[in-house]
Amino acid sequence: MSDIQNSIPILEKRKLQAEVAKSIFDEMKKEFGDKKAREILKNAIIKNAIGEGIKFRNEIDRKLSKETSTIDRFIEVFELWKTGGALEIKELKKTSKQYDFNVTRCRYAEMYKEMGLEDIGQLLSCNRDYNFTIGFDKKLELVREKTIMEGHSCCTFRYSNK
């Protein structure tokens, strides 16, 4: 994962992306209205997240043995999202077939709020999670019922193999 580890922290990357996305989103709202602008932004983020999932999977596959489970591969990559305290989590279950945790502090959500982007923060960040998973491995399933971005006290992440 040398390519991944030598890149900027993901929290910083998301901040830079959000600065550009905000300007583009504002222009799209003027041109197409809020609903259509949100739809375009959502679809662009979905495509980007799937592509990023594929890229990260290819990189981790070069690093780990073939016997390493999909969940273990994902856990290895997931560490990057926590870099610099970006996410504080409480692990609930961690096996080679299931990874359950709650995010108890999300600096991504805090950052979007500070930037005045809490109205589209879910599209820019939370929207990525399911779609990253699709790119990473179509057999990896994410169930999430709550997010901090939506006003809950935690984000519930439940990963398993389909």
Protein backbone atom coordinates (compact mmCIF):
# COMPACT_ATOMS: atom_id res chain seq x y z
CA MET A 1 0.00 0.00 0.00
CA SER A 2 2.92 2.31 -0.51
CA ASP A 3 0.97 4.43 -2.99
CA ILE A 4 -1.87 4.85 -0.51
CA GLN A 5 0.34 5.51 2.50
CA ASN A 6 2.37 8.16 0.70
CA SER A 7 -0.72 10.15 -0.21
CA ILE A 8 -2.20 12.94 1.90
CA PRO A 9 -4.43 11.94 4.83
CA ILE A 10 -7.97 11.16 3.70
CA LEU A 11 -9.48 13.83 5.97
CA GLU A 12 -7.33 16.48 4.26
CA LYS A 13 -8.15 15.03 0.85
CA ARG A 14 -11.89 15.26 1.61
CA LYS A 15 -11.49 18.87 2.73
CA LEU A 16 -9.79 19.84 -0.52
CA GLN A 17 -12.41 17.99 -2.53
CA ALA A 18 -15.22 19.65 -0.57
CA GLU A 19 -13.86 23.14 -1.29
CA VAL A 20 -14.09 22.45 -5.02
CA ALA A 21 -17.36 20.50 -4.77
CA LYS A 22 -19.03 23.39 -2.93
CA SER A 23 -18.28 25.82 -5.74
CA ILE A 24 -19.45 23.37 -8.38
CA PHE A 25 -22.56 22.48 -6.36
CA ASP A 26 -23.48 26.16 -5.94
CA GLU A 27 -23.21 26.69 -9.70
CA MET A 28 -25.26 23.58 -10.44
CA LYS A 29 -27.97 24.80 -8.04
CA LYS A 30 -28.19 28.10 -9.92
CA GLU A 31 -28.36 26.34 -13.26
CA PHE A 32 -30.50 23.26 -12.48
CA GLY A 33 -32.06 23.79 -9.05
CA ASP A 34 -31.26 22.17 -5.72
CA LYS A 35 -32.81 18.75 -6.41
CA LYS A 36 -31.00 18.18 -9.72
CA ALA A 37 -27.71 19.55 -8.32
CA ARG A 38 -27.91 17.07 -5.42
CA GLU A 39 -28.62 14.21 -7.82
CA ILE A 40 -25.63 15.11 -10.00
CA LEU A 41 -23.33 15.46 -6.97
CA LYS A 42 -24.56 12.16 -5.50
CA ASN A 43 -23.98 10.28 -8.77
CA ALA A 44 -20.50 11.78 -9.23
CA ILE A 45 -19.50 10.79 -5.69
CA ILE A 46 -20.87 7.26 -6.19
CA LYS A 47 -18.75 6.75 -9.29
CA ASN A 48 -15.68 8.20 -7.59
CA ALA A 49 -16.13 6.02 -4.48
CA ILE A 50 -16.53 2.83 -6.51
CA GLY A 51 -13.37 3.67 -8.45
CA GLU A 52 -11.51 4.40 -5.24
CA GLY A 53 -12.66 1.06 -3.79
CA ILE A 54 -11.28 -0.76 -6.83
CA LYS A 55 -7.97 1.10 -6.57
CA PHE A 56 -7.54 0.41 -2.85
CA ARG A 57 -8.44 -3.26 -3.32
CA ASN A 58 -5.86 -3.65 -6.08
CA GLU A 59 -3.19 -2.08 -3.88
CA ILE A 60 -4.00 -4.17 -0.79
CA ASP A 61 -4.12 -7.35 -2.89
CA ARG A 62 -0.51 -6.73 -3.90
CA LYS A 63 0.46 -6.46 -0.23
CA LEU A 64 -1.43 -9.32 1.45
CA SER A 65 -1.45 -13.06 0.85
CA LYS A 66 -4.28 -14.70 -1.06
CA GLU A 67 -5.47 -16.39 2.14
CA THR A 68 -6.30 -13.04 3.79
CA SER A 69 -10.08 -12.62 4.05
CA THR A 70 -11.96 -9.77 2.40
CA ILE A 71 -12.87 -8.37 5.83
CA ASP A 72 -9.23 -8.43 6.93
CA ARG A 73 -8.23 -6.69 3.70
CA PHE A 74 -10.88 -4.06 4.32
CA ILE A 75 -9.78 -3.54 7.94
CA GLU A 76 -6.22 -2.94 6.73
CA VAL A 77 -7.40 -0.25 4.32
CA PHE A 78 -9.91 1.24 6.79
CA GLU A 79 -7.04 2.26 9.07
CA LEU A 80 -6.32 5.06 6.59
CA TRP A 81 -9.68 6.72 7.28
CA LYS A 82 -8.79 6.96 10.98
CA THR A 83 -5.41 8.64 10.40
CA GLY A 84 -4.77 11.61 12.66
CA GLY A 85 -7.83 10.90 14.81
CA ALA A 86 -10.22 11.51 11.89
CA LEU A 87 -12.51 8.80 13.26
CA GLU A 88 -12.85 7.53 16.78
CA ILE A 89 -14.44 4.11 16.85
CA LYS A 90 -15.68 1.51 19.30
CA GLU A 91 -15.15 -1.97 17.90
CA LEU A 92 -17.99 -4.36 18.64
CA LYS A 93 -17.02 -7.45 16.65
CA LYS A 94 -13.92 -8.16 14.59
CA THR A 95 -13.52 -11.53 12.87
CA SER A 96 -12.41 -12.63 9.43
CA LYS A 97 -16.09 -12.70 8.42
CA GLN A 98 -17.55 -9.69 10.20
CA TYR A 99 -16.45 -6.25 11.34
CA ASP A 100 -18.89 -4.25 13.46
CA PHE A 101 -18.09 -0.89 14.98
CA ASN A 102 -19.59 2.44 15.90
CA VAL A 103 -17.99 5.74 15.01
CA THR A 104 -18.23 7.82 18.19
CA ARG A 105 -16.50 10.91 16.78
CA CYS A 106 -16.34 11.88 13.14
CA ARG A 107 -14.01 14.71 12.25
CA TYR A 108 -15.31 14.46 8.67
CA ALA A 109 -18.76 15.56 9.90
CA GLU A 110 -17.16 18.26 12.06
CA MET A 111 -15.14 19.52 9.11
CA TYR A 112 -18.16 19.74 6.80
CA LYS A 113 -20.07 21.63 9.48
CA GLU A 114 -17.17 24.08 9.96
CA MET A 115 -17.11 24.59 6.19
CA GLY A 116 -20.85 25.30 6.15
CA LEU A 117 -21.47 22.10 4.17
CA GLU A 118 -23.52 20.08 6.65
CA ASP A 119 -26.40 20.11 4.13
CA ILE A 120 -24.32 18.16 1.58
CA GLY A 121 -21.83 16.48 3.91
CA GLN A 122 -23.81 13.25 3.74
CA LEU A 123 -23.49 13.28 -0.06
CA LEU A 124 -19.77 14.05 0.09
CA SER A 125 -18.84 11.55 2.77
CA CYS A 126 -21.44 9.07 4.06
CA ASN A 127 -22.62 8.42 0.50
CA ARG A 128 -19.12 7.11 -0.25
CA ASP A 129 -19.17 4.28 2.29
CA TYR A 130 -21.59 1.90 0.57
CA ASN A 131 -20.15 2.64 -2.83
CA PHE A 132 -16.52 2.24 -1.77
CA THR A 133 -17.58 -1.20 -0.53
CA ILE A 134 -19.02 -2.09 -3.96
CA GLY A 135 -15.72 -1.21 -5.63
CA PHE A 136 -13.66 -2.95 -2.97
CA ASP A 137 -15.55 -6.25 -3.17
CA LYS A 138 -19.09 -6.90 -4.40
CA LYS A 139 -19.45 -9.63 -1.76
CA LEU A 140 -18.72 -7.19 1.07
CA GLU A 141 -21.90 -5.83 2.60
CA LEU A 142 -22.35 -2.72 4.72
CA VAL A 143 -25.39 -2.15 6.89
CA ARG A 144 -25.56 1.25 8.58
CA GLU A 145 -28.64 2.55 10.34
CA LYS A 146 -27.34 5.78 11.91
CA THR A 147 -24.82 8.51 11.11
CA ILE A 148 -23.49 11.44 13.06
CA MET A 149 -23.96 13.54 9.91
CA GLU A 150 -27.71 12.91 10.22
CA GLY A 151 -27.70 14.03 13.86
CA HIS A 152 -27.29 10.68 15.64
CA SER A 153 -24.83 10.17 18.50
CA CYS A 154 -22.82 7.64 16.48
CA CYS A 155 -22.49 5.98 13.10
CA THR A 156 -23.26 2.26 13.05
CA PHE A 157 -21.10 0.25 10.66
CA ARG A 158 -21.73 -3.47 10.19
CA TYR A 159 -19.58 -5.15 7.54
CA SER A 160 -19.96 -8.78 6.53
CA ASN A 161 -19.50 -11.09 3.57
CA LYS A 162 -22.70 -11.61 1.57
